Protein backbone atom coordinates (compact mmCIF):
# COMPACT_ATOMS: atom_id res chain seq x y z
CA UNK A 1 51.79 -11.78 12.15
CA UNK A 2 49.53 -13.59 9.72
CA UNK A 3 46.91 -11.45 7.98
CA UNK A 4 44.01 -12.47 5.76
CA UNK A 5 41.84 -10.26 3.57
CA UNK A 6 38.55 -12.11 3.09
CA UNK A 7 36.55 -10.79 0.15
CA UNK A 8 32.90 -11.86 0.26
CA UNK A 9 30.03 -11.30 -2.16
CA UNK A 10 27.55 -9.63 0.17
CA UNK A 11 25.92 -9.12 3.53
CA UNK A 12 24.85 -12.76 3.95
CA UNK A 13 28.44 -13.92 3.65
CA UNK A 14 29.65 -11.15 5.95
CA UNK A 15 27.25 -12.42 8.62
CA UNK A 16 28.20 -16.06 8.04
CA UNK A 17 31.95 -15.63 8.15
CA UNK A 18 32.03 -13.13 11.00
CA UNK A 19 29.89 -15.59 12.99
CA UNK A 20 32.24 -18.45 12.17
CA UNK A 21 35.21 -16.38 13.31
CA UNK A 22 33.50 -15.52 16.56
CA UNK A 23 31.94 -18.92 17.32
CA UNK A 24 34.69 -21.28 16.18
CA UNK A 25 37.86 -19.25 16.54
CA UNK A 26 37.13 -16.86 19.36
CA UNK A 27 37.50 -13.86 17.06
CA UNK A 28 36.96 -10.47 18.63
CA UNK A 29 35.89 -7.49 16.56
CA UNK A 30 38.42 -4.67 16.61
CA UNK A 31 38.63 -1.31 14.91
CA UNK A 32 40.61 -1.11 11.71
CA UNK A 33 42.91 1.36 13.44
CA UNK A 34 44.39 -1.65 15.25
CA UNK A 35 45.76 -2.99 11.96
CA UNK A 36 49.44 -2.52 11.09
CA UNK A 37 49.76 0.75 9.17
CA UNK A 38 50.75 -0.76 5.78
CA UNK A 39 47.80 -3.15 5.90
CA UNK A 40 45.46 -0.34 6.92
CA UNK A 41 46.67 1.76 4.00
CA UNK A 42 46.05 -1.18 1.69
CA UNK A 43 42.50 -1.74 2.95
CA UNK A 44 41.33 1.88 3.07
CA UNK A 45 41.01 2.43 -0.73
CA UNK A 46 39.08 -0.84 -0.99
CA UNK A 47 36.52 0.15 1.59
CA UNK A 48 36.30 3.63 0.09
CA UNK A 49 35.61 2.05 -3.31
CA UNK A 50 32.87 -0.16 -1.87
CA UNK A 51 31.57 2.69 0.28
CA UNK A 52 31.41 0.50 3.35
CA UNK A 53 33.84 0.23 6.25
CA UNK A 54 35.39 -3.20 6.46
CA UNK A 55 34.95 -5.30 9.55
CA UNK A 56 38.16 -6.41 11.18
CA UNK A 57 38.58 -9.45 13.39
CA UNK A 58 41.59 -10.52 15.35
CA UNK A 59 42.03 -14.21 16.09
CA UNK A 60 44.16 -14.93 19.13
CA UNK A 61 45.47 -18.50 19.19
CA UNK A 62 47.87 -17.80 22.05
CA UNK A 63 48.44 -14.90 24.39
CA UNK A 64 51.58 -13.99 22.47
CA UNK A 65 50.28 -14.11 18.90
CA UNK A 66 47.24 -12.71 17.08
CA UNK A 67 46.13 -13.30 13.48
CA UNK A 68 44.23 -10.49 11.79
CA UNK A 69 41.25 -11.19 9.54
CA UNK A 70 39.64 -8.40 7.53
CA UNK A 71 36.23 -9.16 6.05
CA UNK A 72 35.23 -6.97 3.09
CA UNK A 73 31.64 -7.04 1.85
CA UNK A 74 32.13 -6.35 -1.86
CA UNK A 75 28.41 -5.94 -2.56
CA UNK A 76 28.24 -8.30 -5.49
CA UNK A 77 30.47 -10.65 -7.43
CA UNK A 78 31.42 -8.11 -10.09
CA UNK A 79 32.50 -5.67 -7.39
CA UNK A 80 34.49 -8.49 -5.83
CA UNK A 81 36.41 -8.95 -9.07
CA UNK A 82 36.88 -5.20 -9.35
CA UNK A 83 38.29 -5.20 -5.83
CA UNK A 84 40.85 -7.80 -6.87
CA UNK A 85 41.83 -5.63 -9.83
CA UNK A 86 42.19 -2.67 -7.48
CA UNK A 87 44.45 -4.63 -5.14
CA UNK A 88 46.66 -6.22 -7.76
CA UNK A 89 46.90 -3.28 -10.17
CA UNK A 90 46.40 0.20 -8.77
CA UNK A 91 47.67 -0.80 -5.32
CA UNK A 92 50.31 -3.24 -6.50
CA UNK A 93 53.28 -1.36 -5.04
CA UNK A 94 51.64 -1.05 -1.63
CA UNK A 95 50.57 -4.70 -1.75
CA UNK A 96 54.15 -5.80 -2.43
CA UNK A 97 55.29 -3.65 0.49
CA UNK A 98 52.78 -5.37 2.78
CA UNK A 99 53.80 -8.82 1.53
CA UNK A 100 57.39 -8.08 2.52
CA UNK A 101 56.33 -7.14 6.04
CA UNK A 102 53.48 -9.51 6.82
CA UNK A 103 52.39 -13.06 6.07
CA UNK A 104 49.46 -11.84 3.98
CA UNK A 105 47.06 -13.89 1.92
CA UNK A 106 43.69 -13.28 0.27
CA UNK A 107 40.59 -15.47 0.42
CA UNK A 108 37.59 -15.15 -1.87
CA UNK A 109 34.24 -16.52 -0.74
CA UNK A 110 31.76 -16.81 -3.62
CA UNK A 111 28.86 -18.99 -4.69
CA UNK A 112 29.63 -22.12 -6.65
CA UNK A 113 27.25 -21.13 -9.44
CA UNK A 114 29.64 -18.28 -10.30
CA UNK A 115 32.44 -20.83 -10.85
CA UNK A 116 34.78 -18.62 -8.81
CA UNK A 117 37.93 -20.76 -9.11
CA UNK A 118 37.71 -20.72 -12.91
CA UNK A 119 36.55 -17.10 -12.99
CA UNK A 120 39.29 -15.73 -10.72
CA UNK A 121 41.96 -17.76 -12.50
CA UNK A 122 40.82 -16.23 -15.78
CA UNK A 123 40.84 -12.76 -14.25
CA UNK A 124 44.40 -13.17 -12.97
CA UNK A 125 45.58 -14.51 -16.32
CA UNK A 126 43.99 -11.55 -18.12
CA UNK A 127 46.00 -9.27 -15.83
CA UNK A 128 49.21 -10.93 -16.99
CA UNK A 129 49.88 -13.15 -13.97
CA UNK A 130 51.17 -16.71 -14.20
CA UNK A 131 48.88 -18.68 -11.92
CA UNK A 132 49.86 -21.93 -10.22
CA UNK A 133 47.61 -24.98 -10.45
CA UNK A 134 45.70 -26.34 -7.46
CA UNK A 135 43.16 -25.18 -4.88
CA UNK A 136 45.33 -22.22 -3.90
CA UNK A 137 46.09 -19.72 -6.67
CA UNK A 138 49.58 -18.32 -6.20
CA UNK A 139 50.86 -15.37 -8.17
CA UNK A 140 54.32 -13.79 -8.17
CA UNK A 141 55.25 -10.15 -8.62
CA UNK A 142 58.47 -8.76 -10.01
CA UNK A 143 61.03 -8.85 -7.24
CA UNK A 144 59.90 -12.24 -6.00
CA UNK A 145 56.98 -11.32 -3.72
CA UNK A 146 54.29 -14.02 -3.83
CA UNK A 147 50.61 -13.86 -2.95
CA UNK A 148 48.40 -16.85 -2.18
CA UNK A 149 44.72 -16.51 -3.13
CA UNK A 150 42.37 -19.06 -1.58
CA UNK A 151 38.98 -19.72 -3.20
CA UNK A 152 36.10 -20.69 -0.91
CA UNK A 153 33.28 -22.05 -3.08
CA UNK A 154 29.87 -21.89 -1.42
CA UNK A 155 26.79 -23.95 -2.12
CA UNK A 156 25.92 -27.53 -2.93
CA UNK A 157 25.61 -29.45 -6.17
CA UNK A 158 22.77 -31.48 -7.65
CA UNK A 159 19.32 -32.21 -6.26
CA UNK A 160 17.65 -29.20 -4.70
CA UNK A 161 20.93 -27.29 -4.31
CA UNK A 162 21.24 -23.88 -5.97
CA UNK A 163 25.01 -23.58 -5.83
CA UNK A 164 24.69 -20.67 -3.41
CA UNK A 165 25.62 -20.17 0.23
CA UNK A 166 21.97 -20.65 1.13
CA UNK A 167 22.39 -24.40 0.54
CA UNK A 168 24.66 -24.62 3.56
CA UNK A 169 22.57 -22.24 5.59
CA UNK A 170 19.48 -24.36 4.97
CA UNK A 171 21.24 -27.36 6.47
CA UNK A 172 22.31 -25.30 9.46
CA UNK A 173 18.83 -23.99 10.13
CA UNK A 174 17.32 -27.49 9.88
CA UNK A 175 19.92 -28.82 12.30
CA UNK A 176 19.23 -26.10 14.84
CA UNK A 177 15.47 -25.86 14.24
CA UNK A 178 14.43 -29.32 12.97
CA UNK A 179 10.75 -28.58 13.57
CA UNK A 180 10.75 -26.21 10.60
CA UNK A 181 11.36 -29.06 8.15
CA UNK A 182 7.80 -30.30 8.59
CA UNK A 183 6.45 -26.98 7.30
CA UNK A 184 8.58 -27.19 4.16
CA UNK A 185 7.46 -30.79 3.63
CA UNK A 186 3.80 -29.78 3.84
CA UNK A 187 4.36 -27.03 1.30
CA UNK A 188 6.07 -29.48 -1.06
CA UNK A 189 3.11 -31.88 -0.80
CA UNK A 190 0.76 -29.14 -1.99
CA UNK A 191 3.01 -27.25 -4.38
CA UNK A 192 6.21 -28.83 -5.69
CA UNK A 193 9.77 -29.63 -4.54
CA UNK A 194 11.48 -26.59 -3.09
CA UNK A 195 15.08 -25.58 -3.65
CA UNK A 196 17.37 -25.24 -0.67
CA UNK A 197 17.25 -21.46 -1.04
CA UNK A 198 13.45 -21.41 -1.06
CA UNK A 199 13.39 -23.50 2.10
CA UNK A 200 15.85 -21.17 3.79
CA UNK A 201 13.81 -18.08 2.95
CA UNK A 202 10.69 -19.77 4.30
CA UNK A 203 12.52 -20.70 7.48
CA UNK A 204 13.85 -17.18 7.95
CA UNK A 205 10.40 -15.69 7.43
CA UNK A 206 8.98 -18.04 10.05
CA UNK A 207 11.76 -17.27 12.50
CA UNK A 208 11.20 -13.51 12.28
CA UNK A 209 7.78 -11.94 12.69
CA UNK A 210 8.76 -8.96 10.60
CA UNK A 211 11.35 -10.32 8.18
CA UNK A 212 13.35 -7.66 6.35
CA UNK A 213 14.05 -9.78 3.32
CA UNK A 214 13.66 -7.46 0.35
CA UNK A 215 14.07 -10.28 -2.14
CA UNK A 216 10.88 -11.95 -0.93
CA UNK A 217 8.84 -8.88 -1.75
CA UNK A 218 10.53 -8.36 -5.10
CA UNK A 219 9.52 -11.93 -6.01
CA UNK A 220 5.98 -11.23 -4.79
CA UNK A 221 5.82 -8.12 -6.96
CA UNK A 222 7.25 -9.80 -10.06
CA UNK A 223 5.69 -13.26 -9.90
CA UNK A 224 2.32 -12.56 -8.27
CA UNK A 225 1.14 -8.95 -8.41
CA UNK A 226 2.41 -8.33 -11.95
CA UNK A 227 0.42 -11.28 -13.32
CA UNK A 228 -2.76 -10.87 -11.24
CA UNK A 229 -5.86 -9.28 -12.80
CA UNK A 230 -7.33 -6.06 -11.44
CA UNK A 231 -10.31 -7.91 -9.93
CA UNK A 232 -8.04 -10.43 -8.24
CA UNK A 233 -5.98 -7.69 -6.64
CA UNK A 234 -9.05 -5.72 -5.51
CA UNK A 235 -10.67 -8.81 -3.99
CA UNK A 236 -7.62 -10.18 -2.23
CA UNK A 237 -6.04 -6.89 -1.20
CA UNK A 238 -9.36 -5.21 -0.46
CA UNK A 239 -8.25 -3.39 2.67
CA UNK A 240 -5.06 -2.08 1.10
CA UNK A 241 -6.87 -0.95 -2.04
CA UNK A 242 -9.58 0.87 -0.08
CA UNK A 243 -7.08 2.71 2.10
CA UNK A 244 -4.98 3.66 -0.90
CA UNK A 245 -8.10 4.95 -2.64
CA UNK A 246 -8.81 7.15 0.36
CA UNK A 247 -5.32 8.57 0.26
CA UNK A 248 -5.54 9.22 -3.48
CA UNK A 249 -8.83 11.08 -3.06
């Protein structure tokens, strides 16, 4: 059996890659109890560390054979690197055991602006591993067990790209909902060129009547409310201010 541990930065990536597995590869979500015991024992401390149960997907290419993909939302790039340290250091013996039993590899999906290939290579070197050159980072443990680490860099380069996964998602949304592009174009005529990420957030807000995008409101608080004068806030948020005043009284 082939097994892949896919470490992703956050919830957005978890949604993206689980959707890809389901839509393109016919992946079916299964419980982690379906994993081979050594692999399950390897994953459990990771998910305990991140305080979130991993999502497991099995990809069946034929009736006789299934490949197991475990997606782990690391909740941030630094946590992702810490997860790698956990796997290759504290859980090294168990990892070697799994490598001897399964065709296991690791994939890391991270935004291009983090320079993940360079960053992960440096991390592995600092841990004392000799790392092979190329797109796939291969390390070898004492005893001959080898582990392949694939780096998936997300995001575009140049122009309006931000070097984040949102660059790709913007293209996807425009392909599926081309009518939304006209709204972004109108905004750019009045304001200024938008980044791919800004366009995506606008699209998502338009596609959902009650968008639960915390970042939008954090930007509103930091860039608008924090710089507005008292009069401006009272005049433009009159209803909110009056109701708050009632509650305070």
